Amino acid sequence: MQSHIKINLKFKCIIGLLDFERIQKQTILIELEAKSKKFLDYAKLCTRIKKIYKKKKFKTIENSLKYVCKNIKTHHKKITFITITCYKPDIIENAKVGATLTKKY
């Protein structure tokens, strides 16, 4: 059974380089699209992603995306494609800034 899922998450965590970002949680938005040769449990993926961000306290969005992709692939070996985007919607007024990483396996 092949699986193609899309996930949109919104939660608060510590992420960023600036002094205030290291102490004050901020809202991030995660968009994930994944394809796999096997069933993907989106609830488990949501939980995994949130736990990673809340535990790791990344300094950059780019590093967070690399880590999350690697972690997901490690736990879901049949994944063939991942695109993940992380936005920080409140960091700049009137802007939604972020980064995207796509991996094909």
PDB file of N, CA and C in Angstrom:
ATOM      1  N   MET A   1       0.839  -1.189   0.000  1.00  0.00           N
ATOM      2  CA  MET A   1       0.000   0.000   0.000  1.00  0.00           C
ATOM      3  C   MET A   1       0.879   1.245   0.000  1.00  0.00           C
ATOM      4  N   GLN A   2       0.657   2.099  -0.967  1.00  0.00           N
ATOM      5  CA  GLN A   2       1.397   3.356  -1.003  1.00  0.00           C
ATOM      6  C   GLN A   2       0.654   4.406  -0.204  1.00  0.00           C
ATOM      7  N   SER A   3       1.414   5.368   0.279  1.00  0.00           N
ATOM      8  CA  SER A   3       0.828   6.422   1.102  1.00  0.00           C
ATOM      9  C   SER A   3       1.367   7.773   0.653  1.00  0.00           C
ATOM     10  N   HIS A   4       0.494   8.753   0.609  1.00  0.00           N
ATOM     11  CA  HIS A   4       0.865  10.131   0.279  1.00  0.00           C
ATOM     12  C   HIS A   4       0.107  11.024   1.252  1.00  0.00           C
ATOM     13  N   ILE A   5       0.849  11.657   2.160  1.00  0.00           N
ATOM     14  CA  ILE A   5       0.187  12.457   3.188  1.00  0.00           C
ATOM     15  C   ILE A   5       0.673  13.895   3.167  1.00  0.00           C
ATOM     16  N   LYS A   6      -0.164  14.764   3.704  1.00  0.00           N
ATOM     17  CA  LYS A   6       0.172  16.175   3.912  1.00  0.00           C
ATOM     18  C   LYS A   6      -0.212  16.527   5.336  1.00  0.00           C
ATOM     19  N   ILE A   7       0.668  17.263   5.994  1.00  0.00           N
ATOM     20  CA  ILE A   7       0.459  17.653   7.389  1.00  0.00           C
ATOM     21  C   ILE A   7       0.722  19.145   7.520  1.00  0.00           C
ATOM     22  N   ASN A   8      -0.120  19.823   8.277  1.00  0.00           N
ATOM     23  CA  ASN A   8       0.106  21.218   8.664  1.00  0.00           C
ATOM     24  C   ASN A   8       0.024  21.286  10.179  1.00  0.00           C
ATOM     25  N   LEU A   9       1.093  21.760  10.803  1.00  0.00           N
ATOM     26  CA  LEU A   9       1.165  21.859  12.263  1.00  0.00           C
ATOM     27  C   LEU A   9       1.415  23.300  12.679  1.00  0.00           C
ATOM     28  N   LYS A  10       0.928  23.629  13.855  1.00  0.00           N
ATOM     29  CA  LYS A  10       1.184  24.938  14.449  1.00  0.00           C
ATOM     30  C   LYS A  10       1.420  24.709  15.938  1.00  0.00           C
ATOM     31  N   PHE A  11       2.577  25.160  16.429  1.00  0.00           N
ATOM     32  CA  PHE A  11       2.880  25.028  17.851  1.00  0.00           C
ATOM     33  C   PHE A  11       3.992  26.005  18.228  1.00  0.00           C
ATOM     34  N   LYS A  12       4.267  26.100  19.514  1.00  0.00           N
ATOM     35  CA  LYS A  12       5.300  27.006  20.020  1.00  0.00           C
ATOM     36  C   LYS A  12       6.514  26.206  20.462  1.00  0.00           C
ATOM     37  N   CYS A  13       7.700  26.782  20.211  1.00  0.00           N
ATOM     38  CA  CYS A  13       8.945  26.159  20.645  1.00  0.00           C
ATOM     39  C   CYS A  13      10.053  27.216  20.660  1.00  0.00           C
ATOM     40  N   ILE A  14      11.196  26.822  21.168  1.00  0.00           N
ATOM     41  CA  ILE A  14      12.384  27.673  21.129  1.00  0.00           C
ATOM     42  C   ILE A  14      13.094  27.375  19.816  1.00  0.00           C
ATOM     43  N   ILE A  15      13.276  28.402  18.987  1.00  0.00           N
ATOM     44  CA  ILE A  15      14.006  28.252  17.728  1.00  0.00           C
ATOM     45  C   ILE A  15      14.536  29.620  17.324  1.00  0.00           C
ATOM     46  N   GLY A  16      15.810  29.684  16.960  1.00  0.00           N
ATOM     47  CA  GLY A  16      16.380  30.942  16.510  1.00  0.00           C
ATOM     48  C   GLY A  16      17.733  31.229  17.126  1.00  0.00           C
ATOM     49  N   LEU A  17      18.406  32.216  16.537  1.00  0.00           N
ATOM     50  CA  LEU A  17      19.745  32.617  16.962  1.00  0.00           C
ATOM     51  C   LEU A  17      19.750  33.794  17.928  1.00  0.00           C
ATOM     52  N   LEU A  18      18.768  34.658  17.821  1.00  0.00           N
ATOM     53  CA  LEU A  18      18.761  35.884  18.620  1.00  0.00           C
ATOM     54  C   LEU A  18      18.540  35.570  20.095  1.00  0.00           C
ATOM     55  N   ASP A  19      19.071  36.437  20.960  1.00  0.00           N
ATOM     56  CA  ASP A  19      18.993  36.203  22.410  1.00  0.00           C
ATOM     57  C   ASP A  19      17.565  35.940  22.876  1.00  0.00           C
ATOM     58  N   PHE A  20      16.626  36.779  22.446  1.00  0.00           N
ATOM     59  CA  PHE A  20      15.247  36.605  22.914  1.00  0.00           C
ATOM     60  C   PHE A  20      14.637  35.311  22.389  1.00  0.00           C
ATOM     61  N   GLU A  21      15.094  34.839  21.222  1.00  0.00           N
ATOM     62  CA  GLU A  21      14.566  33.597  20.654  1.00  0.00           C
ATOM     63  C   GLU A  21      15.028  32.363  21.436  1.00  0.00           C
ATOM     64  N   ARG A  22      16.121  32.500  22.183  1.00  0.00           N
ATOM     65  CA  ARG A  22      16.648  31.384  22.959  1.00  0.00           C
ATOM     66  C   ARG A  22      15.906  31.203  24.282  1.00  0.00           C
ATOM     67  N   ILE A  23      15.102  32.223  24.677  1.00  0.00           N
ATOM     68  CA  ILE A  23      14.369  32.109  25.942  1.00  0.00           C
ATOM     69  C   ILE A  23      12.854  32.161  25.768  1.00  0.00           C
ATOM     70  N   GLN A  24      12.389  32.829  24.745  1.00  0.00           N
ATOM     71  CA  GLN A  24      10.945  32.991  24.556  1.00  0.00           C
ATOM     72  C   GLN A  24      10.449  32.070  23.436  1.00  0.00           C
ATOM     73  N   LYS A  25       9.475  31.233  23.754  1.00  0.00           N
ATOM     74  CA  LYS A  25       8.893  30.373  22.725  1.00  0.00           C
ATOM     75  C   LYS A  25       8.184  31.222  21.687  1.00  0.00           C
ATOM     76  N   GLN A  26       8.248  30.772  20.447  1.00  0.00           N
ATOM     77  CA  GLN A  26       7.531  31.457  19.376  1.00  0.00           C
ATOM     78  C   GLN A  26       6.770  30.434  18.548  1.00  0.00           C
ATOM     79  N   THR A  27       5.761  30.910  17.881  1.00  0.00           N
ATOM     80  CA  THR A  27       4.938  30.049  17.040  1.00  0.00           C
ATOM     81  C   THR A  27       5.702  29.684  15.778  1.00  0.00           C
ATOM     82  N   ILE A  28       5.637  28.399  15.423  1.00  0.00           N
ATOM     83  CA  ILE A  28       6.131  27.973  14.120  1.00  0.00           C
ATOM     84  C   ILE A  28       5.020  27.204  13.415  1.00  0.00           C
ATOM     85  N   LEU A  29       5.089  27.232  12.103  1.00  0.00           N
ATOM     86  CA  LEU A  29       4.166  26.476  11.256  1.00  0.00           C
ATOM     87  C   LEU A  29       4.993  25.457  10.477  1.00  0.00           C
ATOM     88  N   ILE A  30       4.574  24.223  10.519  1.00  0.00           N
ATOM     89  CA  ILE A  30       5.259  23.162   9.782  1.00  0.00           C
ATOM     90  C   ILE A  30       4.303  22.624   8.727  1.00  0.00           C
ATOM     91  N   GLU A  31       4.786  22.564   7.493  1.00  0.00           N
ATOM     92  CA  GLU A  31       4.048  21.919   6.407  1.00  0.00           C
ATOM     93  C   GLU A  31       4.897  20.749   5.938  1.00  0.00           C
ATOM     94  N   LEU A  32       4.309  19.568   5.909  1.00  0.00           N
ATOM     95  CA  LEU A  32       5.040  18.377   5.495  1.00  0.00           C
ATOM     96  C   LEU A  32       4.229  17.621   4.462  1.00  0.00           C
ATOM     97  N   GLU A  33       4.914  17.182   3.434  1.00  0.00           N
ATOM     98  CA  GLU A  33       4.327  16.278   2.447  1.00  0.00           C
ATOM     99  C   GLU A  33       5.274  15.092   2.340  1.00  0.00           C
ATOM    100  N   ALA A  34       4.737  13.894   2.399  1.00  0.00           N
ATOM    101  CA  ALA A  34       5.574  12.697   2.336  1.00  0.00           C
ATOM    102  C   ALA A  34       4.892  11.611   1.522  1.00  0.00           C
ATOM    103  N   LYS A  35       5.730  10.849   0.820  1.00  0.00           N
ATOM    104  CA  LYS A  35       5.261   9.681   0.073  1.00  0.00           C
ATOM    105  C   LYS A  35       6.051   8.476   0.560  1.00  0.00           C
ATOM    106  N   SER A  36       5.363   7.350   0.634  1.00  0.00           N
ATOM    107  CA  SER A  36       6.001   6.138   1.126  1.00  0.00           C
ATOM    108  C   SER A  36       5.439   4.921   0.410  1.00  0.00           C
ATOM    109  N   LYS A  37       6.244   3.868   0.394  1.00  0.00           N
ATOM    110  CA  LYS A  37       5.794   2.599  -0.166  1.00  0.00           C
ATOM    111  C   LYS A  37       4.885   1.858   0.801  1.00  0.00           C
ATOM    112  N   LYS A  38       4.836   2.339   2.042  1.00  0.00           N
ATOM    113  CA  LYS A  38       3.991   1.732   3.072  1.00  0.00           C
ATOM    114  C   LYS A  38       3.127   2.810   3.707  1.00  0.00           C
ATOM    115  N   PHE A  39       2.156   2.371   4.480  1.00  0.00           N
ATOM    116  CA  PHE A  39       1.272   3.268   5.216  1.00  0.00           C
ATOM    117  C   PHE A  39       2.069   4.196   6.130  1.00  0.00           C
ATOM    118  N   LEU A  40       1.714   5.478   6.143  1.00  0.00           N
ATOM    119  CA  LEU A  40       2.303   6.459   7.061  1.00  0.00           C
ATOM    120  C   LEU A  40       1.224   6.916   8.025  1.00  0.00           C
ATOM    121  N   ASP A  41       1.502   6.827   9.286  1.00  0.00           N
ATOM    122  CA  ASP A  41       0.567   7.249  10.328  1.00  0.00           C
ATOM    123  C   ASP A  41       0.800   8.736  10.597  1.00  0.00           C
ATOM    124  N   TYR A  42      -0.072   9.589  10.082  1.00  0.00           N
ATOM    125  CA  TYR A  42       0.137  11.027  10.219  1.00  0.00           C
ATOM    126  C   TYR A  42       0.080  11.487  11.667  1.00  0.00           C
ATOM    127  N   ALA A  43      -0.697  10.818  12.505  1.00  0.00           N
ATOM    128  CA  ALA A  43      -0.753  11.196  13.926  1.00  0.00           C
ATOM    129  C   ALA A  43       0.601  10.975  14.594  1.00  0.00           C
ATOM    130  N   LYS A  44       1.239   9.840  14.286  1.00  0.00           N
ATOM    131  CA  LYS A  44       2.562   9.568  14.857  1.00  0.00           C
ATOM    132  C   LYS A  44       3.605  10.541  14.321  1.00  0.00           C
ATOM    133  N   LEU A  45       3.507  10.881  13.044  1.00  0.00           N
ATOM    134  CA  LEU A  45       4.444  11.854  12.477  1.00  0.00           C
ATOM    135  C   LEU A  45       4.274  13.225  13.132  1.00  0.00           C
ATOM    136  N   CYS A  46       3.041  13.642  13.353  1.00  0.00           N
ATOM    137  CA  CYS A  46       2.790  14.925  14.027  1.00  0.00           C
ATOM    138  C   CYS A  46       3.418  14.937  15.413  1.00  0.00           C
ATOM    139  N   THR A  47       3.202  13.881  16.161  1.00  0.00           N
ATOM    140  CA  THR A  47       3.763  13.781  17.509  1.00  0.00           C
ATOM    141  C   THR A  47       5.284  13.798  17.467  1.00  0.00           C
ATOM    142  N   ARG A  48       5.874  13.044  16.538  1.00  0.00           N
ATOM    143  CA  ARG A  48       7.333  12.993  16.415  1.00  0.00           C
ATOM    144  C   ARG A  48       7.908  14.375  16.106  1.00  0.00           C
ATOM    145  N   ILE A  49       7.311  15.078  15.154  1.00  0.00           N
ATOM    146  CA  ILE A  49       7.817  16.393  14.757  1.00  0.00           C
ATOM    147  C   ILE A  49       7.753  17.371  15.926  1.00  0.00           C
ATOM    148  N   LYS A  50       6.627  17.423  16.610  1.00  0.00           N
ATOM    149  CA  LYS A  50       6.493  18.328  17.761  1.00  0.00           C
ATOM    150  C   LYS A  50       7.525  18.018  18.837  1.00  0.00           C
ATOM    151  N   LYS A  51       7.700  16.737  19.151  1.00  0.00           N
ATOM    152  CA  LYS A  51       8.666  16.349  20.181  1.00  0.00           C
ATOM    153  C   LYS A  51      10.079  16.768  19.801  1.00  0.00           C
ATOM    154  N   ILE A  52      10.438  16.583  18.545  1.00  0.00           N
ATOM    155  CA  ILE A  52      11.777  16.962  18.087  1.00  0.00           C
ATOM    156  C   ILE A  52      12.002  18.457  18.286  1.00  0.00           C
ATOM    157  N   TYR A  53      11.074  19.276  17.801  1.00  0.00           N
ATOM    158  CA  TYR A  53      11.252  20.730  17.894  1.00  0.00           C
ATOM    159  C   TYR A  53      11.282  21.204  19.344  1.00  0.00           C
ATOM    160  N   LYS A  54      10.444  20.634  20.179  1.00  0.00           N
ATOM    161  CA  LYS A  54      10.392  21.078  21.576  1.00  0.00           C
ATOM    162  C   LYS A  54      11.625  20.636  22.354  1.00  0.00           C
ATOM    163  N   LYS A  55      12.214  19.517  21.978  1.00  0.00           N
ATOM    164  CA  LYS A  55      13.390  19.011  22.687  1.00  0.00           C
ATOM    165  C   LYS A  55      14.685  19.647  22.190  1.00  0.00           C
ATOM    166  N   LYS A  56      14.864  19.786  20.893  1.00  0.00           N
ATOM    167  CA  LYS A  56      16.144  20.173  20.297  1.00  0.00           C
ATOM    168  C   LYS A  56      16.465  21.665  20.394  1.00  0.00           C
ATOM    169  N   LYS A  57      15.455  22.524  20.410  1.00  0.00           N
ATOM    170  CA  LYS A  57      15.680  23.976  20.489  1.00  0.00           C
ATOM    171  C   LYS A  57      16.703  24.442  19.436  1.00  0.00           C
ATOM    172  N   PHE A  58      16.368  24.237  18.198  1.00  0.00           N
ATOM    173  CA  PHE A  58      17.257  24.532  17.076  1.00  0.00           C
ATOM    174  C   PHE A  58      17.608  26.011  17.001  1.00  0.00           C
ATOM    175  N   LYS A  59      18.801  26.290  16.477  1.00  0.00           N
ATOM    176  CA  LYS A  59      19.219  27.679  16.281  1.00  0.00           C
ATOM    177  C   LYS A  59      18.810  28.197  14.903  1.00  0.00           C
ATOM    178  N   THR A  60      18.698  27.301  13.929  1.00  0.00           N
ATOM    179  CA  THR A  60      18.274  27.742  12.596  1.00  0.00           C
ATOM    180  C   THR A  60      17.170  26.830  12.064  1.00  0.00           C
ATOM    181  N   ILE A  61      16.323  27.415  11.255  1.00  0.00           N
ATOM    182  CA  ILE A  61      15.263  26.645  10.601  1.00  0.00           C
ATOM    183  C   ILE A  61      15.881  25.587   9.690  1.00  0.00           C
ATOM    184  N   GLU A  62      16.920  25.972   8.968  1.00  0.00           N
ATOM    185  CA  GLU A  62      17.541  25.053   8.017  1.00  0.00           C
ATOM    186  C   GLU A  62      18.053  23.785   8.709  1.00  0.00           C
ATOM    187  N   ASN A  63      18.733  23.956   9.845  1.00  0.00           N
ATOM    188  CA  ASN A  63      19.222  22.784  10.579  1.00  0.00           C
ATOM    189  C   ASN A  63      18.072  21.935  11.113  1.00  0.00           C
ATOM    190  N   SER A  64      16.995  22.594  11.508  1.00  0.00           N
ATOM    191  CA  SER A  64      15.839  21.841  12.009  1.00  0.00           C
ATOM    192  C   SER A  64      15.258  20.961  10.908  1.00  0.00           C
ATOM    193  N   LEU A  65      15.181  21.487   9.709  1.00  0.00           N
ATOM    194  CA  LEU A  65      14.611  20.727   8.594  1.00  0.00           C
ATOM    195  C   LEU A  65      15.474  19.516   8.250  1.00  0.00           C
ATOM    196  N   LYS A  66      16.795  19.709   8.230  1.00  0.00           N
ATOM    197  CA  LYS A  66      17.709  18.592   7.954  1.00  0.00           C
ATOM    198  C   LYS A  66      17.548  17.493   9.000  1.00  0.00           C
ATOM    199  N   TYR A  67      17.491  17.899  10.254  1.00  0.00           N
ATOM    200  CA  TYR A  67      17.381  16.928  11.347  1.00  0.00           C
ATOM    201  C   TYR A  67      16.060  16.163  11.273  1.00  0.00           C
ATOM    202  N   VAL A  68      14.975  16.881  11.069  1.00  0.00           N
ATOM    203  CA  VAL A  68      13.655  16.241  11.020  1.00  0.00           C
ATOM    204  C   VAL A  68      13.566  15.268   9.842  1.00  0.00           C
ATOM    205  N   CYS A  69      14.048  15.664   8.672  1.00  0.00           N
ATOM    206  CA  CYS A  69      14.025  14.757   7.509  1.00  0.00           C
ATOM    207  C   CYS A  69      14.804  13.479   7.803  1.00  0.00           C
ATOM    208  N   LYS A  70      15.999  13.640   8.350  1.00  0.00           N
ATOM    209  CA  LYS A  70      16.833  12.476   8.665  1.00  0.00           C
ATOM    210  C   LYS A  70      16.143  11.578   9.689  1.00  0.00           C
ATOM    211  N   ASN A  71      15.550  12.180  10.707  1.00  0.00           N
ATOM    212  CA  ASN A  71      14.875  11.422  11.752  1.00  0.00           C
ATOM    213  C   ASN A  71      13.679  10.649  11.193  1.00  0.00           C
ATOM    214  N   ILE A  72      12.889  11.306  10.376  1.00  0.00           N
ATOM    215  CA  ILE A  72      11.715  10.648   9.789  1.00  0.00           C
ATOM    216  C   ILE A  72      12.153   9.489   8.892  1.00  0.00           C
ATOM    217  N   LYS A  73      13.167   9.705   8.065  1.00  0.00           N
ATOM    218  CA  LYS A  73      13.653   8.640   7.180  1.00  0.00           C
ATOM    219  C   LYS A  73      14.198   7.464   7.988  1.00  0.00           C
ATOM    220  N   THR A  74      14.864   7.741   9.098  1.00  0.00           N
ATOM    221  CA  THR A  74      15.394   6.679   9.953  1.00  0.00           C
ATOM    222  C   THR A  74      14.277   5.804  10.512  1.00  0.00           C
ATOM    223  N   HIS A  75      13.165   6.418  10.882  1.00  0.00           N
ATOM    224  CA  HIS A  75      12.058   5.681  11.490  1.00  0.00           C
ATOM    225  C   HIS A  75      11.035   5.154  10.478  1.00  0.00           C
ATOM    226  N   HIS A  76      11.098   5.653   9.256  1.00  0.00           N
ATOM    227  CA  HIS A  76      10.164   5.232   8.198  1.00  0.00           C
ATOM    228  C   HIS A  76      10.982   4.970   6.932  1.00  0.00           C
ATOM    229  N   LYS A  77      11.631   3.837   6.900  1.00  0.00           N
ATOM    230  CA  LYS A  77      12.604   3.525   5.849  1.00  0.00           C
ATOM    231  C   LYS A  77      11.995   3.444   4.445  1.00  0.00           C
ATOM    232  N   LYS A  78      10.703   3.241   4.347  1.00  0.00           N
ATOM    233  CA  LYS A  78      10.048   3.107   3.040  1.00  0.00           C
ATOM    234  C   LYS A  78       9.649   4.455   2.434  1.00  0.00           C
ATOM    235  N   ILE A  79       9.970   5.553   3.124  1.00  0.00           N
ATOM    236  CA  ILE A  79       9.660   6.880   2.575  1.00  0.00           C
ATOM    237  C   ILE A  79      10.477   7.101   1.306  1.00  0.00           C
ATOM    238  N   THR A  80       9.821   7.628   0.286  1.00  0.00           N
ATOM    239  CA  THR A  80      10.486   7.897  -0.989  1.00  0.00           C
ATOM    240  C   THR A  80      10.626   9.385  -1.278  1.00  0.00           C
ATOM    241  N   PHE A  81       9.877  10.210  -0.549  1.00  0.00           N
ATOM    242  CA  PHE A  81       9.855  11.658  -0.825  1.00  0.00           C
ATOM    243  C   PHE A  81       9.395  12.402   0.424  1.00  0.00           C
ATOM    244  N   ILE A  82      10.095  13.490   0.743  1.00  0.00           N
ATOM    245  CA  ILE A  82       9.677  14.379   1.837  1.00  0.00           C
ATOM    246  C   ILE A  82       9.915  15.819   1.399  1.00  0.00           C
ATOM    247  N   THR A  83       8.925  16.659   1.601  1.00  0.00           N
ATOM    248  CA  THR A  83       9.104  18.106   1.534  1.00  0.00           C
ATOM    249  C   THR A  83       8.608  18.652   2.859  1.00  0.00           C
ATOM    250  N   ILE A  84       9.472  19.405   3.525  1.00  0.00           N
ATOM    251  CA  ILE A  84       9.091  19.991   4.806  1.00  0.00           C
ATOM    252  C   ILE A  84       9.452  21.471   4.798  1.00  0.00           C
ATOM    253  N   THR A  85       8.517  22.280   5.279  1.00  0.00           N
ATOM    254  CA  THR A  85       8.697  23.723   5.375  1.00  0.00           C
ATOM    255  C   THR A  85       8.441  24.143   6.811  1.00  0.00           C
ATOM    256  N   CYS A  86       9.276  25.058   7.291  1.00  0.00           N
ATOM    257  CA  CYS A  86       9.082  25.633   8.620  1.00  0.00           C
ATOM    258  C   CYS A  86       8.990  27.148   8.461  1.00  0.00           C
ATOM    259  N   TYR A  87       7.907  27.720   8.954  1.00  0.00           N
ATOM    260  CA  TYR A  87       7.697  29.169   8.935  1.00  0.00           C
ATOM    261  C   TYR A  87       7.740  29.717  10.358  1.00  0.00           C
ATOM    262  N   LYS A  88       8.241  30.943  10.464  1.00  0.00           N
ATOM    263  CA  LYS A  88       8.160  31.703  11.717  1.00  0.00           C
ATOM    264  C   LYS A  88       7.271  32.919  11.421  1.00  0.00           C
ATOM    265  N   PRO A  89       5.958  32.784  11.595  1.00  0.00           N
ATOM    266  CA  PRO A  89       5.030  33.820  11.135  1.00  0.00           C
ATOM    267  C   PRO A  89       5.061  35.121  11.930  1.00  0.00           C
ATOM    268  N   ASP A  90       5.602  35.096  13.138  1.00  0.00           N
ATOM    269  CA  ASP A  90       5.548  36.293  13.983  1.00  0.00           C
ATOM    270  C   ASP A  90       6.883  37.013  14.127  1.00  0.00           C
ATOM    271  N   ILE A  91       7.942  36.517  13.490  1.00  0.00           N
ATOM    272  CA  ILE A  91       9.271  37.082  13.710  1.00  0.00           C
ATOM    273  C   ILE A  91       9.457  38.435  13.011  1.00  0.00           C
ATOM    274  N   ILE A  92       8.806  38.626  11.877  1.00  0.00           N
ATOM    275  CA  ILE A  92       8.866  39.901  11.151  1.00  0.00           C
ATOM    276  C   ILE A  92       7.435  40.348  10.894  1.00  0.00           C
ATOM    277  N   GLU A  93       7.156  41.586  11.243  1.00  0.00           N
ATOM    278  CA  GLU A  93       5.800  42.106  11.081  1.00  0.00           C
ATOM    279  C   GLU A  93       5.377  42.066   9.614  1.00  0.00           C
ATOM    280  N   ASN A  94       4.158  41.630   9.382  1.00  0.00           N
ATOM    281  CA  ASN A  94       3.552  41.563   8.047  1.00  0.00           C
ATOM    282  C   ASN A  94       4.294  40.633   7.088  1.00  0.00           C
ATOM    283  N   ALA A  95       4.956  39.609   7.643  1.00  0.00           N
ATOM    284  CA  ALA A  95       5.674  38.656   6.795  1.00  0.00           C
ATOM    285  C   ALA A  95       5.590  37.258   7.400  1.00  0.00           C
ATOM    286  N   LYS A  96       5.661  36.268   6.543  1.00  0.00           N
ATOM    287  CA  LYS A  96       5.742  34.873   6.978  1.00  0.00           C
ATOM    288  C   LYS A  96       7.014  34.315   6.351  1.00  0.00           C
ATOM    289  N   VAL A  97       8.081  34.227   7.158  1.00  0.00           N
ATOM    290  CA  VAL A  97       9.375  33.801   6.635  1.00  0.00           C
ATOM    291  C   VAL A  97       9.647  32.357   7.031  1.00  0.00           C
ATOM    292  N   GLY A  98      10.422  31.681   6.207  1.00  0.00           N
ATOM    293  CA  GLY A  98      10.723  30.293   6.513  1.00  0.00           C
ATOM    294  C   GLY A  98      11.672  29.698   5.497  1.00  0.00           C
ATOM    295  N   ALA A  99      11.797  28.383   5.550  1.00  0.00           N
ATOM    296  CA  ALA A  99      12.669  27.646   4.642  1.00  0.00           C
ATOM    297  C   ALA A  99      12.022  26.299   4.337  1.00  0.00           C
ATOM    298  N   THR A 100      12.432  25.723   3.207  1.00  0.00           N
ATOM    299  CA  THR A 100      11.900  24.438   2.756  1.00  0.00           C
ATOM    300  C   THR A 100      13.044  23.505   2.395  1.00  0.00           C
ATOM    301  N   LEU A 101      12.851  22.230   2.669  1.00  0.00           N
ATOM    302  CA  LEU A 101      13.811  21.200   2.280  1.00  0.00           C
ATOM    303  C   LEU A 101      13.039  20.059   1.626  1.00  0.00           C
ATOM    304  N   THR A 102      13.525  19.609   0.478  1.00  0.00           N
ATOM    305  CA  THR A 102      12.921  18.475  -0.223  1.00  0.00           C
ATOM    306  C   THR A 102      13.967  17.383  -0.381  1.00  0.00           C
ATOM    307  N   LYS A 103      13.559  16.162  -0.076  1.00  0.00           N
ATOM    308  CA  LYS A 103      14.446  15.001  -0.221  1.00  0.00           C
ATOM    309  C   LYS A 103      13.710  13.917  -0.998  1.00  0.00           C
ATOM    310  N   LYS A 104      14.404  13.342  -1.985  1.00  0.00           N
ATOM    311  CA  LYS A 104      13.883  12.187  -2.722  1.00  0.00           C
ATOM    312  C   LYS A 104      14.817  11.022  -2.443  1.00  0.00           C
ATOM    313  N   TYR A 105      14.238   9.902  -2.098  1.00  0.00           N
ATOM    314  CA  TYR A 105      15.034   8.717  -1.755  1.00  0.00           C
ATOM    315  C   TYR A 105      14.759   7.601  -2.734  1.00  0.00           C
TER     316      TYR A 105
END
